[in-house]
C-alpha atoms as a PDB file:
ATOM      1  CA  MET A   1       0.183  -0.162   0.210  1.00  0.00           C
ATOM      2  CA  THR A   2       1.602   3.421  -1.040  1.00  0.00           C
ATOM      3  CA  MET A   3       1.114   6.219   1.329  1.00  0.00           C
ATOM      4  CA  THR A   4      -0.275   9.411   0.379  1.00  0.00           C
ATOM      5  CA  THR A   5       0.861  12.850   1.134  1.00  0.00           C
ATOM      6  CA  THR A   6      -1.852  13.335   3.428  1.00  0.00           C
ATOM      7  CA  GLN A   7      -1.481  10.431   5.083  1.00  0.00           C
ATOM      8  CA  ARG A   8       2.165  10.907   5.740  1.00  0.00           C
ATOM      9  CA  ILE A   9       1.603  14.611   6.945  1.00  0.00           C
ATOM     10  CA  LEU A  10      -1.294  13.544   9.051  1.00  0.00           C
ATOM     11  CA  ASP A  11       1.333  10.484  10.543  1.00  0.00           C
ATOM     12  CA  LEU A  12       3.931  13.175  11.042  1.00  0.00           C
ATOM     13  CA  ALA A  13       1.499  15.833  12.893  1.00  0.00           C
ATOM     14  CA  ALA A  14       0.164  12.750  15.259  1.00  0.00           C
ATOM     15  CA  ALA A  15       3.862  12.134  16.174  1.00  0.00           C
ATOM     16  CA  ALA A  16       5.136  15.532  16.830  1.00  0.00           C
ATOM     17  CA  PRO A  17       3.706  16.465  20.260  1.00  0.00           C
ATOM     18  CA  ALA A  18       5.700  13.576  21.646  1.00  0.00           C
ATOM     19  CA  SER A  19       9.175  14.678  19.694  1.00  0.00           C
ATOM     20  CA  HIS A  20      11.789  16.996  20.868  1.00  0.00           C
ATOM     21  CA  ASP A  21      14.524  19.002  19.423  1.00  0.00           C
ATOM     22  CA  GLU A  22      16.188  17.403  16.673  1.00  0.00           C
ATOM     23  CA  ASP A  23      13.588  15.047  16.547  1.00  0.00           C
ATOM     24  CA  LEU A  24      11.001  17.389  15.838  1.00  0.00           C
ATOM     25  CA  VAL A  25      13.046  19.498  13.329  1.00  0.00           C
ATOM     26  CA  GLN A  26      13.444  16.481  11.181  1.00  0.00           C
ATOM     27  CA  LEU A  27       9.639  15.707  11.359  1.00  0.00           C
ATOM     28  CA  LEU A  28       8.751  19.163  10.635  1.00  0.00           C
ATOM     29  CA  GLY A  29      11.427  19.400   7.905  1.00  0.00           C
ATOM     30  CA  GLU A  30       9.766  16.028   6.150  1.00  0.00           C
ATOM     31  CA  ALA A  31       6.798  17.725   6.765  1.00  0.00           C
ATOM     32  CA  ASN A  32       7.150  20.749   5.205  1.00  0.00           C
ATOM     33  CA  GLU A  33       8.911  19.196   2.251  1.00  0.00           C
ATOM     34  CA  LEU A  34       5.417  17.151   2.031  1.00  0.00           C
ATOM     35  CA  TYR A  35       3.711  20.283   1.907  1.00  0.00           C
ATOM     36  CA  GLN A  36       5.368  22.010  -0.651  1.00  0.00           C
ATOM     37  CA  GLN A  37       5.143  18.984  -2.933  1.00  0.00           C
ATOM     38  CA  GLY A  38       1.410  18.605  -2.521  1.00  0.00           C
ATOM     39  CA  LEU A  39       1.040  22.376  -3.123  1.00  0.00           C
ATOM     40  CA  GLN A  40       2.945  21.852  -6.283  1.00  0.00           C
ATOM     41  CA  ASP A  41       0.858  18.826  -7.296  1.00  0.00           C
ATOM     42  CA  LEU A  42      -2.482  20.525  -6.687  1.00  0.00           C
ATOM     43  CA  HIS A  43      -1.119  23.694  -8.438  1.00  0.00           C
ATOM     44  CA  GLN A  44      -0.592  21.709 -11.577  1.00  0.00           C
ATOM     45  CA  GLU A  45      -3.819  20.144 -11.045  1.00  0.00           C
ATOM     46  CA  VAL A  46      -5.806  23.414 -10.897  1.00  0.00           C
ATOM     47  CA  ALA A  47      -3.744  24.628 -13.963  1.00  0.00           C
ATOM     48  CA  ASP A  48      -4.712  21.828 -15.951  1.00  0.00           C
ATOM     49  CA  ARG A  49      -8.316  22.141 -14.616  1.00  0.00           C
ATOM     50  CA  LEU A  50      -8.697  25.895 -15.515  1.00  0.00           C
ATOM     51  CA  THR A  51      -6.440  25.703 -18.604  1.00  0.00           C
ATOM     52  CA  GLU A  52      -9.687  26.656 -20.724  1.00  0.00           C
ATOM     53  CA  LEU A  53     -10.932  29.074 -18.871  1.00  0.00           C
ATOM     54  CA  ALA A  54     -10.876  32.758 -19.777  1.00  0.00           C
ATOM     55  CA  THR A  55      -8.660  35.413 -17.720  1.00  0.00           C
ATOM     56  CA  ALA A  56     -11.957  37.302 -16.715  1.00  0.00           C
ATOM     57  CA  ASP A  57     -13.599  34.158 -15.460  1.00  0.00           C
ATOM     58  CA  LEU A  58     -10.583  33.528 -13.440  1.00  0.00           C
ATOM     59  CA  MET A  59     -10.811  36.319 -11.737  1.00  0.00           C
ATOM     60  CA  VAL A  60     -14.471  35.954 -10.830  1.00  0.00           C
ATOM     61  CA  ALA A  61     -13.479  32.543  -9.309  1.00  0.00           C
ATOM     62  CA  ALA A  62     -10.789  33.955  -7.368  1.00  0.00           C
ATOM     63  CA  GLN A  63     -13.272  36.469  -6.013  1.00  0.00           C
ATOM     64  CA  THR A  64     -15.674  33.546  -5.282  1.00  0.00           C
ATOM     65  CA  ALA A  65     -13.218  31.610  -3.483  1.00  0.00           C
ATOM     66  CA  GLY A  66     -12.167  34.422  -1.465  1.00  0.00           C
ATOM     67  CA  THR A  67      -8.786  34.623  -2.861  1.00  0.00           C
ATOM     68  CA  PRO A  68      -7.322  38.415  -2.708  1.00  0.00           C
ATOM     69  CA  CYS A  69      -6.046  39.265  -6.145  1.00  0.00           C
ATOM     70  CA  ASP A  70      -6.322  41.961  -8.304  1.00  0.00           C
ATOM     71  CA  ALA A  71      -6.251  42.983 -12.165  1.00  0.00           C
ATOM     72  CA  SER A  72      -2.249  43.521 -12.145  1.00  0.00           C
ATOM     73  CA  GLN A  73      -1.915  39.965 -11.613  1.00  0.00           C
ATOM     74  CA  ASP A  74      -1.423  37.714 -14.551  1.00  0.00           C
ATOM     75  CA  ARG A  75      -3.141  34.353 -15.331  1.00  0.00           C
ATOM     76  CA  ALA A  76      -0.306  32.339 -13.836  1.00  0.00           C
ATOM     77  CA  GLU A  77      -0.263  34.383 -10.551  1.00  0.00           C
ATOM     78  CA  VAL A  78      -4.491  33.997 -10.012  1.00  0.00           C
ATOM     79  CA  ILE A  79      -4.109  30.204 -10.881  1.00  0.00           C
ATOM     80  CA  LEU A  80      -1.305  29.820  -8.192  1.00  0.00           C
ATOM     81  CA  LEU A  81      -3.429  31.643  -5.674  1.00  0.00           C
ATOM     82  CA  LEU A  82      -6.478  29.282  -6.311  1.00  0.00           C
ATOM     83  CA  ALA A  83      -4.568  26.578  -5.832  1.00  0.00           C
ATOM     84  CA  LEU A  84      -3.163  27.715  -2.691  1.00  0.00           C
ATOM     85  CA  THR A  85      -6.500  28.393  -1.173  1.00  0.00           C
ATOM     86  CA  GLU A  86      -7.632  25.176  -2.309  1.00  0.00           C
ATOM     87  CA  TRP A  87      -4.582  23.687  -0.802  1.00  0.00           C
ATOM     88  CA  GLU A  88      -4.742  25.455   2.638  1.00  0.00           C
ATOM     89  CA  ARG A  89      -8.212  23.916   2.791  1.00  0.00           C
ATOM     90  CA  THR A  90      -6.946  20.486   2.850  1.00  0.00           C
ATOM     91  CA  PRO A  91      -6.292  17.971   5.844  1.00  0.00           C
ATOM     92  CA  ALA A  92      -2.651  17.602   4.876  1.00  0.00           C
ATOM     93  CA  ALA A  93      -2.201  21.394   4.893  1.00  0.00           C
ATOM     94  CA  LEU A  94      -4.243  22.089   7.959  1.00  0.00           C
ATOM     95  CA  ALA A  95      -2.166  19.358  10.060  1.00  0.00           C
ATOM     96  CA  PHE A  96       1.209  20.846   8.794  1.00  0.00           C
ATOM     97  CA  ILE A  97       0.027  24.421   9.997  1.00  0.00           C
ATOM     98  CA  GLU A  98      -0.892  23.244  13.177  1.00  0.00           C
ATOM     99  CA  MET A  99       2.088  21.136  13.636  1.00  0.00           C
ATOM    100  CA  ALA A 100       4.358  24.145  12.704  1.00  0.00           C
ATOM    101  CA  GLU A 101       2.359  26.375  14.804  1.00  0.00           C
ATOM    102  CA  ALA A 102       2.749  24.046  17.641  1.00  0.00           C
ATOM    103  CA  ALA A 103       6.446  23.673  17.327  1.00  0.00           C
ATOM    104  CA  ALA A 104       6.949  27.297  17.123  1.00  0.00           C
ATOM    105  CA  ARG A 105       5.309  27.779  20.645  1.00  0.00           C
ATOM    106  CA  ARG A 106       7.845  25.401  21.814  1.00  0.00           C
ATOM    107  CA  GLY A 107      10.668  26.884  20.171  1.00  0.00           C
ATOM    108  CA  ILE A 108      11.198  25.028  17.078  1.00  0.00           C
ATOM    109  CA  CYS A 109      11.692  26.639  13.775  1.00  0.00           C
ATOM    110  CA  LEU A 110      12.939  25.467  10.499  1.00  0.00           C
ATOM    111  CA  ILE A 111      14.358  28.984   9.604  1.00  0.00           C
ATOM    112  CA  PRO A 112      18.068  28.986  11.263  1.00  0.00           C
ATOM    113  CA  GLU A 113      18.704  31.693  13.653  1.00  0.00           C
ATOM    114  CA  GLU A 114      21.376  34.459  12.588  1.00  0.00           C
END
C-alpha cells in the first residue's frame, strides 16, 4: 500500500507532540517538504483544470473563493492563488500548519537563527 502525502503529514503531525529538539526538527522538515510537494501537485492539477477558462472568469473564480487578487496579476499568479486557497483547506495543509504552529510555541522553527 502506498502512503499518500496527506497520510504521511497526518502521521508526522500525530508524532510531533511526543517529539523533542532534533527529532521534532526532522519531523517538521519532512512535513514541510511534503506540504510543498502537495501544493506543487495541486497547483498543476488546478492549472490543468482551468486551462480553458478565460482570464476574466479566473478573476471571478478567485473572488468567489475569497482569494485576494487584482487586475495587475497575470493568469499564472491567479491560478497559483486559487491552488493555494484550495490547498490550505486540505487536511494535509491544516495538519502541517497546526504542527508548525505547535512547534513554534515550543521554540522549534525551520528558519535558522542568525
